[in-house]
Amino acid sequence: MAWEGLNRRRFPRVKYPCLIKIREEGRPEEAILTHTENISVGGVAVIVKRAFELFAPISIEIDLMDGEEQISCRAKIVWVVRRKAVEAEKPSFYDLGIEFVDMVDEDRGRIARAVEHLVKGLQKAKIS
C-alpha cells in the first residue's frame, strides 16, 4: 500500500514563488532565506540546503510580494524529503512541508485571496 500523505490536501495549493525566512526555535540567529514552491492557507512547501527534524517548531516570515507587510507566524515541519544529489561535489537539497501553527485570521485571509486569485486565473487559462 502506497503512502498518499503528500497527495491528501485539506487546502488547495498553488505555485506562488514568494520569499520566506525560516528560523528554528532555539536557533534564531540562523535564518534560512528561500522561496516557496507552493502555498496554501494551511502551509507551504520549500527547498532548503539542510535537513530539519520532522515536527521541528519554527518561526517563519513570508513576503507575498504584494506590497504589504510580511506575514509572520509559528509553524512546524510536517514532512522532509531529501533530493538526490546531481553531482558528488554539490550538496543535497531537501523539500520541506511546513504547516502554519498560529497564523492570525487576517494573514490567512491574505493567503486565501492570493491562492483564490491564482486558481481562478488557471481555470480561465484552461477554458481559453
C-alpha atoms as a PDB file:
ATOM      1  CA  MET A   1       0.000   0.000   0.000  1.00  0.00           C
ATOM      2  CA  ALA A   2       1.462   3.360  -1.028  1.00  0.00           C
ATOM      3  CA  TRP A   3       1.547   6.298   1.365  1.00  0.00           C
ATOM      4  CA  GLU A   4      -0.680   9.028  -0.009  1.00  0.00           C
ATOM      5  CA  GLY A   5       0.004  11.708   2.597  1.00  0.00           C
ATOM      6  CA  LEU A   6       1.630  14.121   0.185  1.00  0.00           C
ATOM      7  CA  ASN A   7      -1.412  13.982  -2.118  1.00  0.00           C
ATOM      8  CA  ARG A   8      -4.096  14.455   0.533  1.00  0.00           C
ATOM      9  CA  ARG A   9      -4.559  18.175   0.877  1.00  0.00           C
ATOM     10  CA  ARG A  10      -7.056  19.947   3.094  1.00  0.00           C
ATOM     11  CA  PHE A  11      -6.364  23.186   1.237  1.00  0.00           C
ATOM     12  CA  PRO A  12      -5.645  23.835  -2.459  1.00  0.00           C
ATOM     13  CA  ARG A  13      -2.005  24.644  -3.133  1.00  0.00           C
ATOM     14  CA  VAL A  14      -0.706  26.798  -5.952  1.00  0.00           C
ATOM     15  CA  LYS A  15       2.705  27.621  -7.314  1.00  0.00           C
ATOM     16  CA  TYR A  16       3.362  31.060  -5.923  1.00  0.00           C
ATOM     17  CA  PRO A  17       7.048  31.916  -5.582  1.00  0.00           C
ATOM     18  CA  CYS A  18       7.322  34.288  -2.659  1.00  0.00           C
ATOM     19  CA  LEU A  19      10.189  34.849  -0.262  1.00  0.00           C
ATOM     20  CA  ILE A  20      10.233  33.035   3.058  1.00  0.00           C
ATOM     21  CA  LYS A  21      12.573  33.264   6.043  1.00  0.00           C
ATOM     22  CA  ILE A  22      12.769  30.226   8.352  1.00  0.00           C
ATOM     23  CA  ARG A  23      14.160  30.153  11.887  1.00  0.00           C
ATOM     24  CA  GLU A  24      14.320  27.084  14.116  1.00  0.00           C
ATOM     25  CA  GLU A  25      13.224  27.605  17.695  1.00  0.00           C
ATOM     26  CA  GLY A  26      16.359  27.707  19.827  1.00  0.00           C
ATOM     27  CA  ARG A  27      18.476  28.894  16.853  1.00  0.00           C
ATOM     28  CA  PRO A  28      17.007  32.315  15.996  1.00  0.00           C
ATOM     29  CA  GLU A  29      20.340  33.660  14.749  1.00  0.00           C
ATOM     30  CA  GLU A  30      20.412  31.099  11.917  1.00  0.00           C
ATOM     31  CA  ALA A  31      17.811  32.316   9.444  1.00  0.00           C
ATOM     32  CA  ILE A  32      17.363  30.485   6.158  1.00  0.00           C
ATOM     33  CA  LEU A  33      16.110  32.572   3.252  1.00  0.00           C
ATOM     34  CA  THR A  34      14.451  30.696   0.379  1.00  0.00           C
ATOM     35  CA  HIS A  35      11.287  30.874  -1.724  1.00  0.00           C
ATOM     36  CA  THR A  36       8.114  28.880  -1.686  1.00  0.00           C
ATOM     37  CA  GLU A  37       7.496  26.082  -4.170  1.00  0.00           C
ATOM     38  CA  ASN A  38       3.785  26.251  -3.439  1.00  0.00           C
ATOM     39  CA  ILE A  39       1.494  27.778  -0.847  1.00  0.00           C
ATOM     40  CA  SER A  40      -1.937  27.250   0.691  1.00  0.00           C
ATOM     41  CA  VAL A  41      -3.807  28.724   3.643  1.00  0.00           C
ATOM     42  CA  GLY A  42      -2.536  25.766   5.682  1.00  0.00           C
ATOM     43  CA  GLY A  43       1.153  25.819   4.811  1.00  0.00           C
ATOM     44  CA  VAL A  44       3.953  25.988   2.272  1.00  0.00           C
ATOM     45  CA  ALA A  45       6.486  23.766   0.569  1.00  0.00           C
ATOM     46  CA  VAL A  46      10.084  24.977   0.226  1.00  0.00           C
ATOM     47  CA  ILE A  47      13.509  23.711  -0.840  1.00  0.00           C
ATOM     48  CA  VAL A  48      16.443  24.197   1.541  1.00  0.00           C
ATOM     49  CA  LYS A  49      20.082  23.102   1.709  1.00  0.00           C
ATOM     50  CA  ARG A  50      19.938  21.290   5.040  1.00  0.00           C
ATOM     51  CA  ALA A  51      17.705  18.801   6.781  1.00  0.00           C
ATOM     52  CA  PHE A  52      15.248  19.690   9.530  1.00  0.00           C
ATOM     53  CA  GLU A  53      13.792  17.343  12.098  1.00  0.00           C
ATOM     54  CA  LEU A  54      10.250  16.209  11.484  1.00  0.00           C
ATOM     55  CA  PHE A  55       7.774  18.262  13.554  1.00  0.00           C
ATOM     56  CA  ALA A  56      10.501  20.765  14.469  1.00  0.00           C
ATOM     57  CA  PRO A  57       8.950  24.027  15.695  1.00  0.00           C
ATOM     58  CA  ILE A  58       9.989  27.011  13.584  1.00  0.00           C
ATOM     59  CA  SER A  59       9.058  30.616  13.020  1.00  0.00           C
ATOM     60  CA  ILE A  60       8.585  31.959   9.520  1.00  0.00           C
ATOM     61  CA  GLU A  61       8.225  35.253   7.712  1.00  0.00           C
ATOM     62  CA  ILE A  62       6.552  35.238   4.307  1.00  0.00           C
ATOM     63  CA  ASP A  63       6.736  38.085   1.803  1.00  0.00           C
ATOM     64  CA  LEU A  64       3.814  37.611  -0.606  1.00  0.00           C
ATOM     65  CA  MET A  65       5.379  40.261  -2.845  1.00  0.00           C
ATOM     66  CA  ASP A  66       2.082  42.147  -2.768  1.00  0.00           C
ATOM     67  CA  GLY A  67       3.399  45.407  -1.333  1.00  0.00           C
ATOM     68  CA  GLU A  68       2.017  44.678   2.143  1.00  0.00           C
ATOM     69  CA  GLU A  69       3.790  43.743   5.382  1.00  0.00           C
ATOM     70  CA  GLN A  70       5.396  40.341   5.744  1.00  0.00           C
ATOM     71  CA  ILE A  71       3.355  37.577   7.344  1.00  0.00           C
ATOM     72  CA  SER A  72       4.943  36.157  10.497  1.00  0.00           C
ATOM     73  CA  CYS A  73       3.853  33.105  12.448  1.00  0.00           C
ATOM     74  CA  ARG A  74       4.973  29.952  14.178  1.00  0.00           C
ATOM     75  CA  ALA A  75       4.931  26.758  12.140  1.00  0.00           C
ATOM     76  CA  LYS A  76       6.182  23.184  12.156  1.00  0.00           C
ATOM     77  CA  ILE A  77       7.898  20.855   9.706  1.00  0.00           C
ATOM     78  CA  VAL A  78       5.405  18.164   8.670  1.00  0.00           C
ATOM     79  CA  TRP A  79       7.435  16.333   6.013  1.00  0.00           C
ATOM     80  CA  VAL A  80      11.036  16.198   4.793  1.00  0.00           C
ATOM     81  CA  VAL A  81      12.225  14.627   1.530  1.00  0.00           C
ATOM     82  CA  ARG A  82      15.899  14.513   0.587  1.00  0.00           C
ATOM     83  CA  ARG A  83      16.555  15.156  -3.085  1.00  0.00           C
ATOM     84  CA  LYS A  84      19.182  13.188  -4.960  1.00  0.00           C
ATOM     85  CA  ALA A  85      22.487  14.984  -5.345  1.00  0.00           C
ATOM     86  CA  VAL A  86      23.076  15.751  -9.012  1.00  0.00           C
ATOM     87  CA  GLU A  87      26.839  15.706  -8.644  1.00  0.00           C
ATOM     88  CA  ALA A  88      29.101  14.306  -5.940  1.00  0.00           C
ATOM     89  CA  GLU A  89      30.566  17.743  -5.133  1.00  0.00           C
ATOM     90  CA  LYS A  90      27.218  19.502  -4.737  1.00  0.00           C
ATOM     91  CA  PRO A  91      25.193  19.342  -1.531  1.00  0.00           C
ATOM     92  CA  SER A  92      21.857  17.588  -1.352  1.00  0.00           C
ATOM     93  CA  PHE A  93      18.735  19.683  -1.080  1.00  0.00           C
ATOM     94  CA  TYR A  94      15.639  18.962   0.990  1.00  0.00           C
ATOM     95  CA  ASP A  95      11.980  19.536   0.228  1.00  0.00           C
ATOM     96  CA  LEU A  96      10.107  20.629   3.349  1.00  0.00           C
ATOM     97  CA  GLY A  97       6.405  20.746   4.053  1.00  0.00           C
ATOM     98  CA  ILE A  98       5.601  23.450   6.581  1.00  0.00           C
ATOM     99  CA  GLU A  99       2.281  23.772   8.396  1.00  0.00           C
ATOM    100  CA  PHE A 100       1.226  27.119   9.854  1.00  0.00           C
ATOM    101  CA  VAL A 101       0.540  26.877  13.593  1.00  0.00           C
ATOM    102  CA  ASP A 102      -0.706  30.229  14.895  1.00  0.00           C
ATOM    103  CA  MET A 103      -1.337  32.455  11.900  1.00  0.00           C
ATOM    104  CA  VAL A 104      -3.770  35.306  12.513  1.00  0.00           C
ATOM    105  CA  ASP A 105      -7.003  35.319  10.519  1.00  0.00           C
ATOM    106  CA  GLU A 106      -6.085  38.495   8.628  1.00  0.00           C
ATOM    107  CA  ASP A 107      -2.879  36.931   7.283  1.00  0.00           C
ATOM    108  CA  ARG A 108      -4.626  33.642   6.488  1.00  0.00           C
ATOM    109  CA  GLY A 109      -7.167  35.716   4.538  1.00  0.00           C
ATOM    110  CA  ARG A 110      -4.396  37.390   2.522  1.00  0.00           C
ATOM    111  CA  ILE A 111      -3.016  33.999   1.552  1.00  0.00           C
ATOM    112  CA  ALA A 112      -6.511  32.694   0.755  1.00  0.00           C
ATOM    113  CA  ARG A 113      -7.139  35.647  -1.575  1.00  0.00           C
ATOM    114  CA  ALA A 114      -3.791  35.138  -3.339  1.00  0.00           C
ATOM    115  CA  VAL A 115      -4.456  31.400  -3.789  1.00  0.00           C
ATOM    116  CA  GLU A 116      -8.026  32.014  -4.994  1.00  0.00           C
ATOM    117  CA  HIS A 117      -6.814  34.634  -7.483  1.00  0.00           C
ATOM    118  CA  LEU A 118      -4.256  32.212  -8.917  1.00  0.00           C
ATOM    119  CA  VAL A 119      -6.701  29.289  -9.037  1.00  0.00           C
ATOM    120  CA  LYS A 120      -9.235  31.427 -10.925  1.00  0.00           C
ATOM    121  CA  GLY A 121      -6.506  32.526 -13.339  1.00  0.00           C
ATOM    122  CA  LEU A 122      -5.557  28.900 -14.007  1.00  0.00           C
ATOM    123  CA  GLN A 123      -9.200  27.949 -14.566  1.00  0.00           C
ATOM    124  CA  LYS A 124      -9.650  30.793 -17.053  1.00  0.00           C
ATOM    125  CA  ALA A 125      -6.480  29.740 -18.885  1.00  0.00           C
ATOM    126  CA  LYS A 126      -7.822  26.172 -19.244  1.00  0.00           C
ATOM    127  CA  ILE A 127     -11.118  27.440 -20.653  1.00  0.00           C
ATOM    128  CA  SER A 128      -9.462  29.741 -23.199  1.00  0.00           C
END
